[in-house]
Structures are given as C-alpha cells and as structure tokens.
Amino acid sequence: MANNNNTLVVPQAKAALNQIKLEVAQELGIPLQPNGYNGNLATRDAGAIGGNITKRLVQIAEQQLTGYTR
C-alpha cells in the first residue's frame, strides 16, 4: 500500500485543485473515475495531468505577480 505524504499547505485549496484536475483531464481526453479511484490510470496519463496542472498553477501565479509591486 502506498503512503501518501502529500499535505496541502492550505487545506481549503483541495476543492480548487480537484476542479483543476478534472478540467485538465477533460481537456486531455483522459477519463477519470467519478468515485475518485484512478488506480487503473496509465502512468503516462497521470503524468500528463500532473504536468498540465503544474503549468496552469504557474500561469496563475505569474498573472498574480504581474500586478505585484514592492
């Protein structure tokens, strides 16, 4: 059994991260299980979802930092 040590710094962000995951998977045409278990997902597909989530989060952070001044 895998040990999941991924803890969110902001636990309230869980719903937003799940929403991004579902959106990215849908955009890539990768079906996710409605019950949340995706153990049968190919490693390549899981990596594609994770990589695209990271890209999207970086874009969001860059947009937020654009208006940031010290």
N, C-alpha and C. Protein backbone atom coordinates (compact mmCIF):
# COMPACT_ATOMS: atom_id res chain seq x y z
N MET A 1 0.85 -1.17 0.00
CA MET A 1 0.00 0.00 0.00
C MET A 1 0.90 1.23 0.00
N ALA A 2 0.58 2.20 -0.84
CA ALA A 2 1.36 3.42 -0.95
C ALA A 2 1.09 4.34 0.22
N ASN A 3 2.13 5.04 0.65
CA ASN A 3 2.00 6.00 1.73
C ASN A 3 1.94 7.39 1.11
N ASN A 4 0.83 8.08 1.25
CA ASN A 4 0.63 9.39 0.66
C ASN A 4 0.97 10.47 1.68
N ASN A 5 2.10 11.14 1.48
CA ASN A 5 2.53 12.20 2.38
C ASN A 5 2.27 13.58 1.80
N ASN A 6 1.45 13.67 0.77
CA ASN A 6 1.14 14.96 0.18
C ASN A 6 0.14 15.69 1.07
N THR A 7 0.61 16.74 1.71
CA THR A 7 -0.28 17.53 2.53
C THR A 7 -0.34 18.94 1.96
N LEU A 8 -1.52 19.50 1.93
CA LEU A 8 -1.72 20.82 1.39
C LEU A 8 -1.35 21.86 2.44
N VAL A 9 -0.65 22.90 2.00
CA VAL A 9 -0.31 23.99 2.90
C VAL A 9 -1.59 24.72 3.30
N VAL A 10 -2.50 24.85 2.33
CA VAL A 10 -3.80 25.48 2.58
C VAL A 10 -4.86 24.42 2.31
N PRO A 11 -5.34 23.73 3.35
CA PRO A 11 -6.31 22.64 3.16
C PRO A 11 -7.57 23.07 2.41
N GLN A 12 -7.95 24.33 2.50
CA GLN A 12 -9.15 24.80 1.81
C GLN A 12 -8.97 24.80 0.29
N ALA A 13 -7.75 24.63 -0.20
CA ALA A 13 -7.48 24.63 -1.63
C ALA A 13 -7.81 23.29 -2.29
N LYS A 14 -8.15 22.29 -1.50
CA LYS A 14 -8.38 20.94 -2.03
C LYS A 14 -9.46 20.92 -3.12
N ALA A 15 -10.56 21.60 -2.89
CA ALA A 15 -11.65 21.61 -3.88
C ALA A 15 -11.19 22.27 -5.19
N ALA A 16 -10.45 23.35 -5.08
CA ALA A 16 -9.96 24.04 -6.28
C ALA A 16 -8.98 23.16 -7.05
N LEU A 17 -8.09 22.46 -6.34
CA LEU A 17 -7.14 21.57 -7.00
C LEU A 17 -7.85 20.40 -7.67
N ASN A 18 -8.87 19.86 -7.03
CA ASN A 18 -9.65 18.78 -7.65
C ASN A 18 -10.35 19.28 -8.91
N GLN A 19 -10.86 20.50 -8.87
CA GLN A 19 -11.53 21.07 -10.03
C GLN A 19 -10.55 21.24 -11.19
N ILE A 20 -9.35 21.74 -10.89
CA ILE A 20 -8.33 21.89 -11.93
C ILE A 20 -7.98 20.53 -12.51
N LYS A 21 -7.84 19.52 -11.65
CA LYS A 21 -7.51 18.17 -12.11
C LYS A 21 -8.57 17.65 -13.08
N LEU A 22 -9.83 17.83 -12.73
CA LEU A 22 -10.91 17.37 -13.60
C LEU A 22 -10.93 18.13 -14.93
N GLU A 23 -10.70 19.44 -14.87
CA GLU A 23 -10.68 20.25 -16.10
C GLU A 23 -9.54 19.83 -17.02
N VAL A 24 -8.35 19.65 -16.46
CA VAL A 24 -7.19 19.26 -17.25
C VAL A 24 -7.41 17.88 -17.87
N ALA A 25 -7.90 16.93 -17.08
CA ALA A 25 -8.14 15.58 -17.60
C ALA A 25 -9.15 15.62 -18.74
N GLN A 26 -10.19 16.43 -18.58
CA GLN A 26 -11.20 16.53 -19.63
C GLN A 26 -10.60 17.15 -20.89
N GLU A 27 -9.78 18.19 -20.74
CA GLU A 27 -9.14 18.82 -21.89
C GLU A 27 -8.23 17.84 -22.63
N LEU A 28 -7.58 16.95 -21.88
CA LEU A 28 -6.67 15.98 -22.48
C LEU A 28 -7.40 14.73 -22.97
N GLY A 29 -8.68 14.63 -22.68
CA GLY A 29 -9.46 13.46 -23.09
C GLY A 29 -9.16 12.22 -22.27
N ILE A 30 -8.73 12.42 -21.03
CA ILE A 30 -8.41 11.31 -20.14
C ILE A 30 -9.57 11.13 -19.17
N PRO A 31 -10.24 9.99 -19.23
CA PRO A 31 -11.39 9.78 -18.34
C PRO A 31 -10.94 9.47 -16.91
N LEU A 32 -11.52 10.18 -15.96
CA LEU A 32 -11.28 9.90 -14.55
C LEU A 32 -12.54 9.27 -13.96
N GLN A 33 -12.35 8.42 -12.97
CA GLN A 33 -13.47 7.73 -12.35
C GLN A 33 -14.23 8.68 -11.44
N PRO A 34 -15.56 8.65 -11.48
CA PRO A 34 -16.35 9.54 -10.63
C PRO A 34 -16.21 9.24 -9.13
N ASN A 35 -15.82 8.02 -8.79
CA ASN A 35 -15.68 7.67 -7.37
C ASN A 35 -14.34 8.12 -6.80
N GLY A 36 -13.46 8.70 -7.64
CA GLY A 36 -12.19 9.23 -7.18
C GLY A 36 -11.03 8.25 -7.25
N TYR A 37 -11.30 6.96 -7.47
CA TYR A 37 -10.23 5.98 -7.58
C TYR A 37 -9.77 5.89 -9.03
N ASN A 38 -8.50 6.20 -9.26
CA ASN A 38 -7.96 6.16 -10.61
C ASN A 38 -6.70 5.30 -10.67
N GLY A 39 -6.68 4.22 -9.90
CA GLY A 39 -5.54 3.33 -9.84
C GLY A 39 -5.24 2.62 -11.14
N ASN A 40 -6.21 2.56 -12.03
CA ASN A 40 -6.00 1.91 -13.32
C ASN A 40 -5.53 2.90 -14.38
N LEU A 41 -5.28 4.14 -14.00
CA LEU A 41 -4.84 5.17 -14.92
C LEU A 41 -3.39 4.91 -15.32
N ALA A 42 -3.11 5.00 -16.61
CA ALA A 42 -1.74 4.80 -17.09
C ALA A 42 -0.82 5.88 -16.53
N THR A 43 0.41 5.50 -16.27
CA THR A 43 1.40 6.44 -15.73
C THR A 43 1.57 7.64 -16.64
N ARG A 44 1.56 7.40 -17.93
CA ARG A 44 1.72 8.48 -18.91
C ARG A 44 0.58 9.49 -18.77
N ASP A 45 -0.64 8.99 -18.61
CA ASP A 45 -1.80 9.87 -18.47
C ASP A 45 -1.74 10.65 -17.16
N ALA A 46 -1.38 9.97 -16.07
CA ALA A 46 -1.28 10.64 -14.78
C ALA A 46 -0.22 11.74 -14.84
N GLY A 47 0.89 11.46 -15.51
CA GLY A 47 1.96 12.46 -15.66
C GLY A 47 1.52 13.64 -16.49
N ALA A 48 0.74 13.36 -17.53
CA ALA A 48 0.24 14.44 -18.38
C ALA A 48 -0.69 15.35 -17.59
N ILE A 49 -1.54 14.75 -16.79
CA ILE A 49 -2.46 15.55 -15.96
C ILE A 49 -1.66 16.38 -14.98
N GLY A 50 -0.73 15.76 -14.26
CA GLY A 50 0.08 16.48 -13.27
C GLY A 50 0.91 17.59 -13.89
N GLY A 51 1.50 17.32 -15.04
CA GLY A 51 2.32 18.33 -15.71
C GLY A 51 1.49 19.53 -16.14
N ASN A 52 0.31 19.26 -16.66
CA ASN A 52 -0.55 20.36 -17.09
C ASN A 52 -1.13 21.14 -15.91
N ILE A 53 -1.36 20.47 -14.80
CA ILE A 53 -1.81 21.17 -13.59
C ILE A 53 -0.70 22.13 -13.16
N THR A 54 0.54 21.64 -13.15
CA THR A 54 1.66 22.49 -12.76
C THR A 54 1.78 23.70 -13.67
N LYS A 55 1.67 23.50 -14.97
CA LYS A 55 1.73 24.61 -15.92
C LYS A 55 0.65 25.64 -15.61
N ARG A 56 -0.54 25.15 -15.36
CA ARG A 56 -1.67 26.05 -15.09
C ARG A 56 -1.46 26.83 -13.80
N LEU A 57 -0.97 26.15 -12.75
CA LEU A 57 -0.73 26.84 -11.48
C LEU A 57 0.38 27.89 -11.61
N VAL A 58 1.40 27.59 -12.41
CA VAL A 58 2.47 28.57 -12.64
C VAL A 58 1.91 29.77 -13.39
N GLN A 59 1.07 29.53 -14.38
CA GLN A 59 0.45 30.65 -15.13
C GLN A 59 -0.38 31.53 -14.20
N ILE A 60 -1.15 30.90 -13.32
CA ILE A 60 -1.97 31.66 -12.37
C ILE A 60 -1.07 32.51 -11.47
N ALA A 61 0.00 31.92 -10.96
CA ALA A 61 0.92 32.64 -10.07
C ALA A 61 1.58 33.80 -10.81
N GLU A 62 1.98 33.57 -12.06
CA GLU A 62 2.61 34.64 -12.85
C GLU A 62 1.64 35.79 -13.08
N GLN A 63 0.38 35.46 -13.34
CA GLN A 63 -0.61 36.51 -13.54
C GLN A 63 -0.82 37.32 -12.26
N GLN A 64 -0.81 36.65 -11.13
CA GLN A 64 -0.98 37.34 -9.86
C GLN A 64 0.23 38.22 -9.54
N LEU A 65 1.42 37.74 -9.91
CA LEU A 65 2.64 38.50 -9.63
C LEU A 65 2.84 39.68 -10.58
N THR A 66 2.17 39.66 -11.72
CA THR A 66 2.29 40.74 -12.69
C THR A 66 1.90 42.08 -12.06
N GLY A 67 0.89 42.08 -11.24
CA GLY A 67 0.41 43.31 -10.60
C GLY A 67 1.09 43.58 -9.27
N TYR A 68 2.02 42.73 -8.87
CA TYR A 68 2.66 42.87 -7.57
C TYR A 68 3.77 43.91 -7.62
N THR A 69 3.77 44.84 -6.70
CA THR A 69 4.87 45.82 -6.59
C THR A 69 5.34 45.88 -5.14
N ARG A 70 6.62 46.12 -4.98
CA ARG A 70 7.19 46.21 -3.61
C ARG A 70 7.17 47.61 -3.13
